[in-house]
Amino acid sequence: MRIDDDAVLWSASPADRAGRPLLVLLHGYNSHEGDLFGLSPYLPLQPAIASLRAPIPTGYGHAWFPLPEQLDDQLSTEDAEAATTAVIEWLDRAAPDAASVGLLGFSQGGAMAIELLRRAPERFSFAVSLAGFSLPGERAGDERMSQLAPPVFWGRGTADEVIPAEAVRHTQSWLPRHAEVDQRVYEGLGHSVSERELADVTAFLAARYAA
């Protein structure tokens, strides 16, 4: 499994991103690298932004890991682990000297943002998980992540019918034990990002880069 280097959308040229922080965007299931990249004009200017294409083709887009066949089936973490490795290998190729690396993902990409923190908690400065969730099971980096307690913005809507309630409950229990969580719940919001949420994310990112 490998990230397609040619499919990555960058907000800056190689010369313009040298020495700057990097913000990595991770799209949702059955989507593409152009989806979250549309948020770039609304985000802080300090980081260079890279929007990745997930490595698994789906019917109309791409995915980081397959969905369970039945709603009550457990998510397999093997493909998520392989996708996590692919993102880290891409970072080693494309941005080994980034001043810092932050993560912003939506839905399945939000789950990947948390997975990357779990794999390499010292490599990533923070994560933004929009309509995302934490995957079940234990990871080798979980204990270290709980010690570091990296900042995590977790936003979700009360009308989101895509993310299973059990995944939300698991995340509510797991995430505060492993991160410094800024949890926001938006009344009436479905499986999407609202203007209010985007403003909250921008403020969260601005605080991270100011620090």
Protein backbone atom coordinates (compact mmCIF):
# COMPACT_ATOMS: atom_id res chain seq x y z
CA MET A 1 0.00 0.00 0.00
CA ARG A 2 1.43 3.37 -1.04
CA ILE A 3 0.38 7.02 -1.22
CA ASP A 4 0.37 8.31 -4.80
CA ASP A 5 2.91 11.16 -4.71
CA ASP A 6 1.60 12.58 -7.98
CA ALA A 7 -1.95 12.84 -6.60
CA VAL A 8 -1.00 14.97 -3.58
CA LEU A 9 -2.36 18.52 -3.69
CA TRP A 10 0.01 21.11 -2.21
CA SER A 11 -0.74 24.67 -1.17
CA ALA A 12 2.86 25.76 -1.77
CA SER A 13 5.77 25.00 -4.04
CA PRO A 14 8.76 23.03 -2.70
CA ALA A 15 10.71 26.25 -2.23
CA ASP A 16 7.83 27.96 -0.42
CA ARG A 17 7.20 25.10 2.00
CA ALA A 18 10.82 24.58 3.09
CA GLY A 19 11.14 24.92 6.84
CA ARG A 20 7.42 25.55 7.42
CA PRO A 21 5.00 23.47 9.47
CA LEU A 22 3.03 20.90 7.47
CA LEU A 23 -0.70 20.26 7.76
CA VAL A 24 -1.78 16.94 6.22
CA LEU A 25 -5.39 16.59 5.04
CA LEU A 26 -7.04 13.14 5.02
CA HIS A 27 -10.35 12.82 3.17
CA GLY A 28 -13.26 10.54 3.99
CA TYR A 29 -14.45 7.25 2.54
CA ASN A 30 -15.26 7.22 -1.18
CA SER A 31 -13.87 10.73 -1.61
CA HIS A 32 -10.68 12.27 -3.02
CA GLU A 33 -7.80 14.63 -2.31
CA GLY A 34 -9.66 17.65 -3.69
CA ASP A 35 -12.43 17.45 -1.10
CA LEU A 36 -10.79 18.84 2.03
CA PHE A 37 -8.33 20.88 -0.02
CA GLY A 38 -11.23 23.25 -0.63
CA LEU A 39 -10.94 24.29 3.02
CA SER A 40 -7.38 25.58 2.51
CA PRO A 41 -8.31 29.26 1.94
CA TYR A 42 -10.06 29.34 5.33
CA LEU A 43 -7.19 27.82 7.32
CA PRO A 44 -4.19 29.61 8.91
CA LEU A 45 -1.40 30.64 6.55
CA GLN A 46 1.53 29.40 8.64
CA PRO A 47 1.55 25.75 7.47
CA ALA A 48 2.08 24.33 4.05
CA ILE A 49 -0.89 22.09 3.31
CA ALA A 50 -0.77 18.68 1.64
CA SER A 51 -3.98 16.82 0.79
CA LEU A 52 -3.46 13.10 0.25
CA ARG A 53 -5.42 10.59 -1.81
CA ALA A 54 -6.28 7.43 0.13
CA PRO A 55 -4.65 4.30 -1.36
CA ILE A 56 -7.68 2.00 -1.82
CA PRO A 57 -9.91 2.66 -4.89
CA THR A 58 -13.67 2.55 -4.30
CA GLY A 59 -16.59 2.97 -6.65
CA TYR A 60 -16.38 6.75 -6.93
CA GLY A 61 -13.29 7.69 -4.95
CA HIS A 62 -10.81 6.22 -2.52
CA ALA A 63 -10.66 4.83 1.02
CA TRP A 64 -8.12 4.34 3.79
CA PHE A 65 -9.61 0.99 4.86
CA PRO A 66 -12.67 -1.08 3.88
CA LEU A 67 -15.95 -0.61 5.69
CA PRO A 68 -17.45 -3.61 7.53
CA GLU A 69 -19.90 -5.59 5.45
CA GLN A 70 -22.52 -5.46 8.21
CA LEU A 71 -23.17 -2.65 10.67
CA ASP A 72 -22.59 -4.96 13.64
CA ASP A 73 -19.29 -6.33 12.25
CA GLN A 74 -16.06 -5.21 13.89
CA LEU A 75 -13.82 -2.94 11.86
CA SER A 76 -10.65 -4.71 10.83
CA THR A 77 -7.63 -2.63 11.77
CA GLU A 78 -5.17 -4.39 9.45
CA ASP A 79 -5.87 -2.17 6.46
CA ALA A 80 -5.89 0.92 8.67
CA GLU A 81 -2.46 -0.07 9.97
CA ALA A 82 -1.21 -0.53 6.40
CA ALA A 83 -2.61 2.88 5.40
CA THR A 84 -0.97 4.45 8.46
CA THR A 85 2.36 2.98 7.39
CA ALA A 86 1.82 4.34 3.87
CA VAL A 87 1.24 7.88 5.18
CA ILE A 88 4.34 7.77 7.36
CA GLU A 89 6.43 6.46 4.46
CA TRP A 90 5.07 9.29 2.32
CA LEU A 91 6.10 11.80 5.01
CA ASP A 92 9.59 10.32 4.99
CA ARG A 93 9.75 10.85 1.22
CA ALA A 94 7.99 14.17 0.82
CA ALA A 95 8.52 16.18 4.00
CA PRO A 96 11.32 14.75 6.14
CA ASP A 97 12.38 18.21 7.30
CA ALA A 98 8.98 19.77 8.06
CA ALA A 99 9.14 22.00 11.13
CA SER A 100 6.15 20.13 12.54
CA VAL A 101 3.35 17.93 11.22
CA GLY A 102 -0.34 18.34 12.05
CA LEU A 103 -3.25 16.22 10.88
CA LEU A 104 -6.77 17.13 9.76
CA GLY A 105 -9.18 14.44 8.64
CA PHE A 106 -12.88 14.02 7.94
CA SER A 107 -14.88 10.87 8.75
CA GLN A 108 -12.63 7.91 7.87
CA GLY A 109 -9.81 10.41 7.43
CA GLY A 110 -10.56 11.63 10.96
CA ALA A 111 -10.12 8.08 12.17
CA MET A 112 -6.81 7.95 10.30
CA ALA A 113 -5.64 11.16 11.99
CA ILE A 114 -6.12 9.46 15.36
CA GLU A 115 -4.47 6.25 14.09
CA LEU A 116 -1.39 8.21 13.02
CA LEU A 117 -1.13 9.76 16.48
CA ARG A 118 -1.37 6.29 17.99
CA ARG A 119 1.38 4.95 15.71
CA ALA A 120 3.83 7.84 16.14
CA PRO A 121 2.65 10.17 18.92
CA GLU A 122 5.95 12.05 19.02
CA ARG A 123 5.96 12.77 15.30
CA PHE A 124 2.65 14.63 15.09
CA SER A 125 1.88 17.88 16.90
CA PHE A 126 -1.92 17.59 16.92
CA ALA A 127 -4.91 16.12 15.13
CA VAL A 128 -8.26 17.46 13.97
CA SER A 129 -10.90 14.74 13.60
CA LEU A 130 -14.13 15.94 11.98
CA ALA A 131 -16.97 13.43 12.19
CA GLY A 132 -14.24 10.90 12.94
CA PHE A 133 -13.73 8.18 15.52
CA SER A 134 -11.11 6.02 17.19
CA LEU A 135 -10.71 2.45 15.99
CA PRO A 136 -10.99 -0.47 18.43
CA GLY A 137 -8.07 -2.44 19.81
CA GLU A 138 -4.72 -1.51 21.31
CA ARG A 139 -1.67 -0.01 19.57
CA ALA A 140 1.97 -0.01 20.57
CA GLY A 141 1.96 3.79 20.83
CA ASP A 142 -1.18 4.14 22.97
CA GLU A 143 0.64 4.39 26.28
CA ARG A 144 3.11 6.95 24.96
CA MET A 145 0.25 8.94 23.44
CA SER A 146 -1.50 9.05 26.81
CA GLN A 147 1.72 10.34 28.39
CA LEU A 148 2.16 13.09 25.79
CA ALA A 149 -1.57 13.91 25.62
CA PRO A 150 -1.37 15.66 22.21
CA PRO A 151 -4.07 18.24 21.39
CA VAL A 152 -6.99 16.74 19.47
CA PHE A 153 -10.00 18.62 18.12
CA TRP A 154 -12.96 16.26 17.79
CA GLY A 155 -16.05 17.72 16.16
CA ARG A 156 -19.30 15.92 15.40
CA GLY A 157 -22.95 16.68 14.70
CA THR A 158 -26.01 15.48 16.60
CA ALA A 159 -27.71 14.52 13.31
CA ASP A 160 -24.80 12.46 11.92
CA GLU A 161 -26.32 9.12 10.92
CA VAL A 162 -23.20 7.81 9.15
CA ILE A 163 -20.89 7.15 12.10
CA PRO A 164 -22.31 4.29 14.25
CA ALA A 165 -23.34 5.24 17.77
CA GLU A 166 -21.04 2.56 19.20
CA ALA A 167 -18.05 4.18 17.46
CA VAL A 168 -18.99 7.54 18.98
CA ARG A 169 -19.35 6.01 22.46
CA HIS A 170 -15.99 4.26 22.14
CA THR A 171 -14.31 7.49 21.07
CA GLN A 172 -15.92 9.42 23.93
CA SER A 173 -14.37 6.94 26.35
CA TRP A 174 -11.01 6.37 24.65
CA LEU A 175 -9.94 9.80 23.42
CA PRO A 176 -9.88 11.77 26.72
CA ARG A 177 -7.62 9.09 28.22
CA HIS A 178 -5.04 9.55 25.47
CA ALA A 179 -5.21 13.20 24.38
CA GLU A 180 -5.99 16.73 25.41
CA VAL A 181 -9.40 16.85 23.74
CA ASP A 182 -11.30 19.87 22.49
CA GLN A 183 -14.64 18.17 21.87
CA ARG A 184 -17.34 20.10 20.03
CA VAL A 185 -20.87 18.86 19.34
CA TYR A 186 -22.99 20.77 16.82
CA GLU A 187 -26.75 20.66 17.16
CA GLY A 188 -28.53 19.52 14.00
CA LEU A 189 -25.34 18.97 11.99
CA GLY A 190 -25.25 15.85 9.84
CA HIS A 191 -22.21 14.13 8.36
CA SER A 192 -20.58 17.32 7.17
CA VAL A 193 -18.67 20.41 8.28
CA SER A 194 -20.56 23.59 9.16
CA GLU A 195 -19.34 27.19 9.02
CA ARG A 196 -19.38 27.30 12.82
CA GLU A 197 -17.28 24.15 13.04
CA LEU A 198 -14.83 25.47 10.46
CA ALA A 199 -14.44 28.66 12.52
CA ASP A 200 -13.74 26.56 15.63
CA VAL A 201 -11.18 24.47 13.73
CA THR A 202 -9.46 27.61 12.44
CA ALA A 203 -9.22 28.96 15.99
CA PHE A 204 -7.84 25.62 17.23
CA LEU A 205 -5.19 25.60 14.50
CA ALA A 206 -4.28 29.25 15.08
CA ALA A 207 -3.67 28.47 18.74
CA ARG A 208 -1.46 25.53 17.86
CA TYR A 209 0.69 27.59 15.48
CA ALA A 210 0.86 30.53 17.89
CA ALA A 211 2.27 28.16 20.50
